[in-house]
Amino acid sequence: MYRALLIGCGGIGALYDLDGPGIRTHAKAYSHHGDFSLSVYDKDLDLAYRVAHTYKCQVVSDFSTNHLSDYHCVSICSPTDTHVEYL
C-alpha cells in the first residue's frame, strides 16, 4: 500500500469532480486506486474534512514539510504561487 498526500483540496485537487461522474482530480484518482491510502491537507480545514468524508481518507491538520518523508507520493494542488514553498 502506498501512502499519498494531497496538498490543496481545491479545483484539481478535489472539487472538479467531487459530486460528479468521472475521475478528473487527484483525490478521486487516488481514492479509486486500490494501492493508495490518501491523506489530505488544505488551509481551509472545513474543505479538507469535506473531501476526507467523501473519499474516506484522513485529514492532516498541522502540515509540516518535515512529514513529507512519511508519504510515497505527494500531489501539490495548492495555488501555483505556493508550489515552491511546498517543494
C-alpha atoms as a PDB file:
ATOM      1  CA  MET A   1       0.000   0.000   0.000  1.00  0.00           C
ATOM      2  CA  TYR A   2       1.324   3.413  -0.997  1.00  0.00           C
ATOM      3  CA  ARG A   3       0.683   6.459   1.183  1.00  0.00           C
ATOM      4  CA  ALA A   4      -0.309   9.585  -0.747  1.00  0.00           C
ATOM      5  CA  LEU A   5      -0.669  13.150   0.465  1.00  0.00           C
ATOM      6  CA  LEU A   6      -2.793  15.683  -1.363  1.00  0.00           C
ATOM      7  CA  ILE A   7      -1.838  19.284  -0.580  1.00  0.00           C
ATOM      8  CA  GLY A   8      -4.692  21.540  -1.653  1.00  0.00           C
ATOM      9  CA  CYS A   9      -8.297  20.359  -1.956  1.00  0.00           C
ATOM     10  CA  GLY A  10      -9.483  22.975  -4.455  1.00  0.00           C
ATOM     11  CA  GLY A  11     -10.246  22.506  -8.146  1.00  0.00           C
ATOM     12  CA  ILE A  12      -7.742  19.973  -9.495  1.00  0.00           C
ATOM     13  CA  GLY A  13      -7.102  18.603  -6.011  1.00  0.00           C
ATOM     14  CA  ALA A  14     -10.682  17.504  -5.326  1.00  0.00           C
ATOM     15  CA  LEU A  15     -13.514  19.855  -6.306  1.00  0.00           C
ATOM     16  CA  TYR A  16     -13.776  19.420 -10.099  1.00  0.00           C
ATOM     17  CA  ASP A  17     -15.386  16.006  -9.710  1.00  0.00           C
ATOM     18  CA  LEU A  18     -16.371  15.853  -6.034  1.00  0.00           C
ATOM     19  CA  ASP A  19     -20.065  15.385  -6.770  1.00  0.00           C
ATOM     20  CA  GLY A  20     -19.927  14.216 -10.360  1.00  0.00           C
ATOM     21  CA  PRO A  21     -19.036  11.252 -12.552  1.00  0.00           C
ATOM     22  CA  GLY A  22     -15.622  10.520 -13.968  1.00  0.00           C
ATOM     23  CA  ILE A  23     -12.184  10.981 -12.495  1.00  0.00           C
ATOM     24  CA  ARG A  24     -10.741  14.458 -13.032  1.00  0.00           C
ATOM     25  CA  THR A  25      -8.916  15.162  -9.768  1.00  0.00           C
ATOM     26  CA  HIS A  26      -6.027  13.810  -7.748  1.00  0.00           C
ATOM     27  CA  ALA A  27      -8.267  12.945  -4.769  1.00  0.00           C
ATOM     28  CA  LYS A  28     -10.669  10.828  -6.780  1.00  0.00           C
ATOM     29  CA  ALA A  29      -7.852   9.138  -8.709  1.00  0.00           C
ATOM     30  CA  TYR A  30      -6.052   8.119  -5.520  1.00  0.00           C
ATOM     31  CA  SER A  31      -9.255   7.040  -3.794  1.00  0.00           C
ATOM     32  CA  HIS A  32     -10.339   4.836  -6.693  1.00  0.00           C
ATOM     33  CA  HIS A  33      -6.967   3.094  -6.933  1.00  0.00           C
ATOM     34  CA  GLY A  34      -6.711   0.150  -4.567  1.00  0.00           C
ATOM     35  CA  ASP A  35      -2.987   0.579  -3.914  1.00  0.00           C
ATOM     36  CA  PHE A  36      -3.179   4.010  -2.240  1.00  0.00           C
ATOM     37  CA  SER A  37      -4.220   5.308   1.146  1.00  0.00           C
ATOM     38  CA  LEU A  38      -4.912   9.027   0.930  1.00  0.00           C
ATOM     39  CA  SER A  39      -4.376  11.879   3.365  1.00  0.00           C
ATOM     40  CA  VAL A  40      -5.421  15.433   2.533  1.00  0.00           C
ATOM     41  CA  TYR A  41      -4.283  18.850   3.678  1.00  0.00           C
ATOM     42  CA  ASP A  42      -5.814  22.228   2.991  1.00  0.00           C
ATOM     43  CA  LYS A  43      -5.543  25.503   4.879  1.00  0.00           C
ATOM     44  CA  ASP A  44      -9.353  25.513   4.782  1.00  0.00           C
ATOM     45  CA  LEU A  45      -9.970  22.681   7.268  1.00  0.00           C
ATOM     46  CA  ASP A  46     -13.702  22.601   6.522  1.00  0.00           C
ATOM     47  CA  LEU A  47     -12.893  21.832   2.884  1.00  0.00           C
ATOM     48  CA  ALA A  48     -10.305  19.218   3.883  1.00  0.00           C
ATOM     49  CA  TYR A  49     -12.854  17.464   6.109  1.00  0.00           C
ATOM     50  CA  ARG A  50     -15.500  17.597   3.347  1.00  0.00           C
ATOM     51  CA  VAL A  51     -13.082  15.922   0.929  1.00  0.00           C
ATOM     52  CA  ALA A  52     -11.984  13.403   3.573  1.00  0.00           C
ATOM     53  CA  HIS A  53     -15.602  12.490   4.287  1.00  0.00           C
ATOM     54  CA  THR A  54     -16.315  11.960   0.588  1.00  0.00           C
ATOM     55  CA  TYR A  55     -13.239   9.824  -0.043  1.00  0.00           C
ATOM     56  CA  LYS A  56     -12.950   8.126   3.368  1.00  0.00           C
ATOM     57  CA  CYS A  57      -9.440   9.418   3.982  1.00  0.00           C
ATOM     58  CA  GLN A  58      -7.501  11.188   6.711  1.00  0.00           C
ATOM     59  CA  VAL A  59      -7.041  14.916   7.230  1.00  0.00           C
ATOM     60  CA  VAL A  60      -3.623  16.325   8.023  1.00  0.00           C
ATOM     61  CA  SER A  61      -4.454  19.373  10.118  1.00  0.00           C
ATOM     62  CA  ASP A  62      -0.962  20.563  11.018  1.00  0.00           C
ATOM     63  CA  PHE A  63       1.105  20.207   7.876  1.00  0.00           C
ATOM     64  CA  SER A  64       4.868  20.460   8.052  1.00  0.00           C
ATOM     65  CA  THR A  65       7.345  19.679   5.302  1.00  0.00           C
ATOM     66  CA  ASN A  66       9.159  17.562   7.909  1.00  0.00           C
ATOM     67  CA  HIS A  67       6.429  14.956   7.450  1.00  0.00           C
ATOM     68  CA  LEU A  68       6.747  14.609   3.668  1.00  0.00           C
ATOM     69  CA  SER A  69       9.018  11.577   4.032  1.00  0.00           C
ATOM     70  CA  ASP A  70       6.036   9.735   5.573  1.00  0.00           C
ATOM     71  CA  TYR A  71       4.476   9.537   2.090  1.00  0.00           C
ATOM     72  CA  HIS A  72       5.363   7.729  -1.103  1.00  0.00           C
ATOM     73  CA  CYS A  73       3.532  10.255  -3.303  1.00  0.00           C
ATOM     74  CA  VAL A  74       2.725  13.928  -2.790  1.00  0.00           C
ATOM     75  CA  SER A  75       0.410  15.884  -5.088  1.00  0.00           C
ATOM     76  CA  ILE A  76       0.846  19.626  -4.765  1.00  0.00           C
ATOM     77  CA  CYS A  77      -2.502  21.028  -5.861  1.00  0.00           C
ATOM     78  CA  SER A  78      -2.351  24.273  -3.939  1.00  0.00           C
ATOM     79  CA  PRO A  79      -2.388  27.672  -5.675  1.00  0.00           C
ATOM     80  CA  THR A  80       0.526  27.996  -8.089  1.00  0.00           C
ATOM     81  CA  ASP A  81       2.314  30.668  -6.046  1.00  0.00           C
ATOM     82  CA  THR A  82       2.652  28.210  -3.122  1.00  0.00           C
ATOM     83  CA  HIS A  83       4.285  25.354  -5.051  1.00  0.00           C
ATOM     84  CA  VAL A  84       7.871  26.446  -4.429  1.00  0.00           C
ATOM     85  CA  GLU A  85       7.192  26.774  -0.716  1.00  0.00           C
ATOM     86  CA  TYR A  86       5.933  23.176  -0.525  1.00  0.00           C
ATOM     87  CA  LEU A  87       8.701  21.831  -2.737  1.00  0.00           C
END
